[in-house]
Amino acid sequence: TVVMVSSRTCPWCKKALADFGRFAAKGDSIPGLTLFTLEGAADGVPMLAKEKLRGARIVGPAGSREDADKLFRNPGTPTFLEFDRSGRLVYTLPGYPIGTELERLFAIMSRKSE
């Protein structure tokens, strides 16, 4: 599973989702993606819908972004957190993933590689 920490105002988050949308254009769903939107889960819905990404979980704080910032520290958005089948954090990538890393993350999200 990959958790993408995002913000509705983050241009690199939008670019990463657009890239994942291009990969998913073949009809792939992405059940291995959880989108954590700092402003709240409701703000993640249109971000995924715009790129026609299906199957992802959307989560976020019930309160304000400031409440989310109190929950954990992240180095900025986007940040990608990869978890193994046991739920252990195995990889953290702050920033926009490029090239083969983008493809590797998508393979995990689409459950083609775990």
N, C-alpha and C. Protein backbone atom coordinates (compact mmCIF):
# COMPACT_ATOMS: atom_id res chain seq x y z
N THR A 1 0.84 -1.19 0.00
CA THR A 1 0.00 0.00 0.00
C THR A 1 0.87 1.24 0.00
N VAL A 2 0.42 2.26 -0.70
CA VAL A 2 1.10 3.54 -0.73
C VAL A 2 0.14 4.60 -0.20
N VAL A 3 0.62 5.38 0.76
CA VAL A 3 -0.13 6.54 1.24
C VAL A 3 0.53 7.77 0.64
N MET A 4 -0.27 8.57 -0.03
CA MET A 4 0.23 9.83 -0.58
C MET A 4 -0.31 10.95 0.28
N VAL A 5 0.58 11.68 0.95
CA VAL A 5 0.19 12.84 1.73
C VAL A 5 0.14 14.00 0.75
N SER A 6 -1.03 14.64 0.67
CA SER A 6 -1.22 15.67 -0.35
C SER A 6 -1.93 16.89 0.22
N SER A 7 -2.00 17.90 -0.59
CA SER A 7 -2.72 19.12 -0.26
C SER A 7 -3.42 19.59 -1.53
N ARG A 8 -4.58 20.16 -1.36
CA ARG A 8 -5.33 20.61 -2.55
C ARG A 8 -4.62 21.76 -3.26
N THR A 9 -3.70 22.44 -2.57
CA THR A 9 -3.00 23.57 -3.18
C THR A 9 -1.61 23.21 -3.70
N CYS A 10 -1.23 21.95 -3.62
CA CYS A 10 0.11 21.51 -3.99
C CYS A 10 0.18 21.18 -5.48
N PRO A 11 0.94 21.96 -6.28
CA PRO A 11 1.02 21.66 -7.71
C PRO A 11 1.72 20.33 -8.00
N TRP A 12 2.69 19.93 -7.18
CA TRP A 12 3.38 18.65 -7.40
C TRP A 12 2.48 17.47 -7.07
N CYS A 13 1.57 17.65 -6.12
CA CYS A 13 0.58 16.59 -5.82
C CYS A 13 -0.32 16.40 -7.04
N LYS A 14 -0.77 17.51 -7.60
CA LYS A 14 -1.65 17.44 -8.77
C LYS A 14 -0.92 16.80 -9.96
N LYS A 15 0.36 17.13 -10.12
CA LYS A 15 1.14 16.54 -11.21
C LYS A 15 1.30 15.03 -11.02
N ALA A 16 1.58 14.60 -9.78
CA ALA A 16 1.72 13.17 -9.51
C ALA A 16 0.41 12.44 -9.79
N LEU A 17 -0.72 13.02 -9.36
CA LEU A 17 -2.02 12.38 -9.62
C LEU A 17 -2.32 12.34 -11.11
N ALA A 18 -1.95 13.40 -11.84
CA ALA A 18 -2.15 13.41 -13.30
C ALA A 18 -1.31 12.31 -13.96
N ASP A 19 -0.08 12.14 -13.50
CA ASP A 19 0.76 11.07 -14.04
C ASP A 19 0.17 9.70 -13.73
N PHE A 20 -0.31 9.49 -12.51
CA PHE A 20 -0.95 8.22 -12.17
C PHE A 20 -2.21 8.02 -13.01
N GLY A 21 -2.91 9.12 -13.30
CA GLY A 21 -4.09 9.04 -14.17
C GLY A 21 -3.74 8.57 -15.57
N ARG A 22 -2.60 9.01 -16.09
CA ARG A 22 -2.16 8.55 -17.42
C ARG A 22 -1.84 7.05 -17.38
N PHE A 23 -1.20 6.60 -16.31
CA PHE A 23 -0.93 5.17 -16.17
C PHE A 23 -2.23 4.37 -16.09
N ALA A 24 -3.21 4.93 -15.39
CA ALA A 24 -4.48 4.23 -15.17
C ALA A 24 -5.42 4.34 -16.36
N ALA A 25 -5.06 5.10 -17.37
CA ALA A 25 -5.92 5.29 -18.53
C ALA A 25 -6.25 3.97 -19.22
N LYS A 26 -5.45 2.97 -18.97
CA LYS A 26 -5.71 1.66 -19.55
C LYS A 26 -6.83 0.93 -18.83
N GLY A 27 -7.44 1.59 -17.85
CA GLY A 27 -8.55 0.98 -17.12
C GLY A 27 -8.17 0.42 -15.77
N ASP A 28 -6.90 0.57 -15.39
CA ASP A 28 -6.46 0.05 -14.09
C ASP A 28 -7.09 0.85 -12.95
N SER A 29 -7.49 0.13 -11.91
CA SER A 29 -7.88 0.82 -10.69
C SER A 29 -6.66 0.82 -9.78
N ILE A 30 -6.70 1.64 -8.74
CA ILE A 30 -5.54 1.75 -7.86
C ILE A 30 -5.94 1.50 -6.40
N PRO A 31 -6.33 0.27 -6.07
CA PRO A 31 -6.76 -0.03 -4.70
C PRO A 31 -5.64 0.07 -3.69
N GLY A 32 -4.40 0.10 -4.13
CA GLY A 32 -3.27 0.19 -3.22
C GLY A 32 -2.86 1.61 -2.89
N LEU A 33 -3.69 2.61 -3.27
CA LEU A 33 -3.40 4.01 -2.94
C LEU A 33 -4.37 4.50 -1.88
N THR A 34 -3.82 5.12 -0.86
CA THR A 34 -4.61 5.87 0.11
C THR A 34 -4.16 7.32 -0.01
N LEU A 35 -5.09 8.20 -0.35
CA LEU A 35 -4.78 9.62 -0.50
C LEU A 35 -5.16 10.32 0.81
N PHE A 36 -4.16 10.84 1.51
CA PHE A 36 -4.37 11.60 2.74
C PHE A 36 -4.26 13.07 2.39
N THR A 37 -5.38 13.75 2.39
CA THR A 37 -5.41 15.17 2.03
C THR A 37 -5.42 15.99 3.31
N LEU A 38 -4.44 16.86 3.46
CA LEU A 38 -4.27 17.62 4.70
C LEU A 38 -5.48 18.48 5.05
N GLU A 39 -6.20 18.96 4.04
CA GLU A 39 -7.36 19.80 4.30
C GLU A 39 -8.60 18.99 4.65
N GLY A 40 -8.53 17.69 4.52
CA GLY A 40 -9.68 16.83 4.82
C GLY A 40 -9.98 15.91 3.65
N ALA A 41 -10.60 14.77 3.97
CA ALA A 41 -10.88 13.76 2.96
C ALA A 41 -11.75 14.31 1.83
N ALA A 42 -12.69 15.16 2.15
CA ALA A 42 -13.60 15.69 1.12
C ALA A 42 -12.84 16.43 0.03
N ASP A 43 -11.72 17.05 0.37
CA ASP A 43 -10.94 17.77 -0.64
C ASP A 43 -10.17 16.82 -1.56
N GLY A 44 -10.00 15.56 -1.15
CA GLY A 44 -9.33 14.59 -2.00
C GLY A 44 -10.22 14.03 -3.09
N VAL A 45 -11.52 14.06 -2.88
CA VAL A 45 -12.47 13.48 -3.84
C VAL A 45 -12.33 14.11 -5.22
N PRO A 46 -12.40 15.45 -5.35
CA PRO A 46 -12.27 16.03 -6.69
C PRO A 46 -10.88 15.86 -7.29
N MET A 47 -9.85 15.75 -6.44
CA MET A 47 -8.49 15.55 -6.96
C MET A 47 -8.39 14.22 -7.69
N LEU A 48 -8.99 13.17 -7.13
CA LEU A 48 -8.97 11.86 -7.79
C LEU A 48 -9.92 11.83 -8.98
N ALA A 49 -11.09 12.45 -8.83
CA ALA A 49 -12.08 12.45 -9.90
C ALA A 49 -11.55 13.15 -11.15
N LYS A 50 -10.82 14.24 -10.96
CA LYS A 50 -10.28 14.99 -12.10
C LYS A 50 -9.39 14.11 -12.97
N GLU A 51 -8.64 13.22 -12.34
CA GLU A 51 -7.72 12.36 -13.09
C GLU A 51 -8.32 10.99 -13.39
N LYS A 52 -9.60 10.82 -13.06
CA LYS A 52 -10.34 9.57 -13.32
C LYS A 52 -9.65 8.36 -12.66
N LEU A 53 -9.16 8.58 -11.44
CA LEU A 53 -8.51 7.51 -10.68
C LEU A 53 -9.57 6.77 -9.87
N ARG A 54 -9.64 5.47 -10.05
CA ARG A 54 -10.65 4.65 -9.39
C ARG A 54 -10.01 3.72 -8.37
N GLY A 55 -10.76 3.43 -7.31
CA GLY A 55 -10.36 2.39 -6.38
C GLY A 55 -9.52 2.85 -5.20
N ALA A 56 -9.08 4.09 -5.18
CA ALA A 56 -8.25 4.57 -4.07
C ALA A 56 -9.11 4.88 -2.85
N ARG A 57 -8.48 4.77 -1.69
CA ARG A 57 -9.12 5.21 -0.44
C ARG A 57 -8.76 6.67 -0.24
N ILE A 58 -9.69 7.43 0.32
CA ILE A 58 -9.46 8.84 0.58
C ILE A 58 -9.64 9.07 2.07
N VAL A 59 -8.62 9.64 2.70
CA VAL A 59 -8.69 9.92 4.13
C VAL A 59 -8.16 11.33 4.39
N GLY A 60 -8.45 11.80 5.57
CA GLY A 60 -7.97 13.12 5.97
C GLY A 60 -8.55 13.48 7.31
N PRO A 61 -8.08 14.56 7.89
CA PRO A 61 -8.54 14.96 9.21
C PRO A 61 -9.99 15.44 9.18
N ALA A 62 -10.66 15.26 10.30
CA ALA A 62 -12.01 15.78 10.43
C ALA A 62 -11.98 17.27 10.72
N GLY A 63 -10.87 17.75 11.26
CA GLY A 63 -10.74 19.16 11.60
C GLY A 63 -9.99 19.93 10.52
N SER A 64 -9.24 20.91 10.98
CA SER A 64 -8.52 21.80 10.07
C SER A 64 -7.17 21.21 9.67
N ARG A 65 -6.55 21.88 8.72
CA ARG A 65 -5.20 21.46 8.32
C ARG A 65 -4.24 21.58 9.50
N GLU A 66 -4.45 22.58 10.33
CA GLU A 66 -3.61 22.74 11.51
C GLU A 66 -3.74 21.53 12.43
N ASP A 67 -4.94 20.96 12.51
CA ASP A 67 -5.13 19.74 13.31
C ASP A 67 -4.34 18.59 12.70
N ALA A 68 -4.35 18.50 11.38
CA ALA A 68 -3.60 17.43 10.71
C ALA A 68 -2.11 17.60 10.96
N ASP A 69 -1.62 18.83 10.94
CA ASP A 69 -0.20 19.08 11.17
C ASP A 69 0.23 18.67 12.57
N LYS A 70 -0.73 18.67 13.51
CA LYS A 70 -0.42 18.26 14.88
C LYS A 70 -0.34 16.74 15.01
N LEU A 71 -0.99 16.02 14.09
CA LEU A 71 -1.01 14.55 14.16
C LEU A 71 0.35 13.94 13.86
N PHE A 72 1.03 14.45 12.88
CA PHE A 72 2.32 13.90 12.49
C PHE A 72 3.11 14.96 11.73
N ARG A 73 4.39 14.74 11.66
CA ARG A 73 5.24 15.64 10.88
C ARG A 73 5.52 14.99 9.53
N ASN A 74 5.39 15.76 8.50
CA ASN A 74 5.77 15.28 7.19
C ASN A 74 6.63 16.35 6.54
N PRO A 75 7.53 15.94 5.68
CA PRO A 75 8.50 16.88 5.11
C PRO A 75 7.91 17.81 4.05
N GLY A 76 6.64 17.72 3.79
CA GLY A 76 5.99 18.54 2.77
C GLY A 76 5.15 17.66 1.87
N THR A 77 4.53 18.29 0.90
CA THR A 77 3.68 17.53 -0.02
C THR A 77 4.23 17.65 -1.42
N PRO A 78 4.11 16.60 -2.19
CA PRO A 78 3.62 15.28 -1.77
C PRO A 78 4.70 14.52 -1.00
N THR A 79 4.25 13.62 -0.17
CA THR A 79 5.11 12.64 0.48
C THR A 79 4.47 11.28 0.26
N PHE A 80 5.26 10.32 -0.14
CA PHE A 80 4.77 8.96 -0.38
C PHE A 80 5.30 8.04 0.70
N LEU A 81 4.40 7.28 1.32
CA LEU A 81 4.76 6.32 2.37
C LEU A 81 4.37 4.94 1.86
N GLU A 82 5.32 4.04 1.81
CA GLU A 82 5.05 2.69 1.33
C GLU A 82 5.04 1.73 2.52
N PHE A 83 3.98 0.92 2.60
CA PHE A 83 3.81 -0.04 3.67
C PHE A 83 3.83 -1.45 3.09
N ASP A 84 4.44 -2.40 3.82
CA ASP A 84 4.43 -3.78 3.36
C ASP A 84 3.13 -4.46 3.79
N ARG A 85 2.98 -5.73 3.47
CA ARG A 85 1.74 -6.46 3.77
C ARG A 85 1.47 -6.58 5.26
N SER A 86 2.51 -6.43 6.09
CA SER A 86 2.34 -6.49 7.55
C SER A 86 2.00 -5.12 8.14
N GLY A 87 1.92 -4.11 7.30
CA GLY A 87 1.59 -2.77 7.77
C GLY A 87 2.79 -1.98 8.25
N ARG A 88 3.99 -2.48 8.00
CA ARG A 88 5.20 -1.77 8.41
C ARG A 88 5.60 -0.76 7.34
N LEU A 89 5.99 0.42 7.79
CA LEU A 89 6.50 1.43 6.89
C LEU A 89 7.86 0.98 6.38
N VAL A 90 8.00 0.84 5.06
CA VAL A 90 9.26 0.35 4.50
C VAL A 90 9.98 1.38 3.64
N TYR A 91 9.29 2.47 3.29
CA TYR A 91 9.92 3.44 2.40
C TYR A 91 9.18 4.76 2.50
N THR A 92 9.94 5.84 2.54
CA THR A 92 9.36 7.19 2.54
C THR A 92 10.03 7.99 1.44
N LEU A 93 9.22 8.63 0.63
CA LEU A 93 9.75 9.47 -0.45
C LEU A 93 9.11 10.85 -0.35
N PRO A 94 9.85 11.84 0.14
CA PRO A 94 9.32 13.20 0.12
C PRO A 94 9.52 13.79 -1.27
N GLY A 95 8.52 14.50 -1.76
CA GLY A 95 8.64 15.15 -3.05
C GLY A 95 8.06 14.34 -4.19
N TYR A 96 8.20 14.89 -5.36
CA TYR A 96 7.64 14.30 -6.57
C TYR A 96 8.51 13.15 -7.07
N PRO A 97 7.93 11.97 -7.27
CA PRO A 97 8.73 10.84 -7.78
C PRO A 97 8.90 10.96 -9.30
N ILE A 98 10.10 10.70 -9.77
CA ILE A 98 10.35 10.82 -11.20
C ILE A 98 10.66 9.46 -11.81
N GLY A 99 10.46 9.37 -13.12
CA GLY A 99 10.86 8.21 -13.90
C GLY A 99 10.40 6.87 -13.37
N THR A 100 11.36 6.00 -13.17
CA THR A 100 11.04 4.63 -12.77
C THR A 100 10.40 4.56 -11.39
N GLU A 101 10.69 5.53 -10.53
CA GLU A 101 10.09 5.54 -9.18
C GLU A 101 8.57 5.77 -9.29
N LEU A 102 8.17 6.64 -10.19
CA LEU A 102 6.75 6.88 -10.42
C LEU A 102 6.07 5.60 -10.90
N GLU A 103 6.71 4.91 -11.82
CA GLU A 103 6.16 3.65 -12.34
C GLU A 103 6.12 2.57 -11.25
N ARG A 104 7.15 2.52 -10.41
CA ARG A 104 7.20 1.52 -9.34
C ARG A 104 6.06 1.75 -8.34
N LEU A 105 5.85 3.01 -7.97
CA LEU A 105 4.76 3.32 -7.04
C LEU A 105 3.41 2.96 -7.65
N PHE A 106 3.23 3.27 -8.93
CA PHE A 106 1.95 2.94 -9.57
C PHE A 106 1.73 1.43 -9.59
N ALA A 107 2.78 0.65 -9.84
CA ALA A 107 2.65 -0.80 -9.84
C ALA A 107 2.19 -1.31 -8.48
N ILE A 108 2.67 -0.71 -7.42
CA ILE A 108 2.21 -1.08 -6.07
C ILE A 108 0.76 -0.68 -5.88
N MET A 109 0.42 0.54 -6.28
CA MET A 109 -0.96 1.04 -6.12
C MET A 109 -1.96 0.20 -6.89
N SER A 110 -1.56 -0.22 -8.08
CA SER A 110 -2.49 -1.02 -8.90
C SER A 110 -2.41 -2.50 -8.56
N ARG A 111 -1.59 -2.81 -7.56
CA ARG A 111 -1.40 -4.17 -7.04
C ARG A 111 -0.79 -5.11 -8.06
N LYS A 112 -0.01 -4.56 -8.98
CA LYS A 112 0.71 -5.39 -9.95
C LYS A 112 2.05 -5.82 -9.38
N SER A 113 2.46 -5.16 -8.31
CA SER A 113 3.74 -5.49 -7.66
C SER A 113 3.62 -5.12 -6.20
N GLU A 114 3.96 -6.04 -5.31
CA GLU A 114 3.94 -5.73 -3.87
C GLU A 114 5.10 -6.40 -3.21
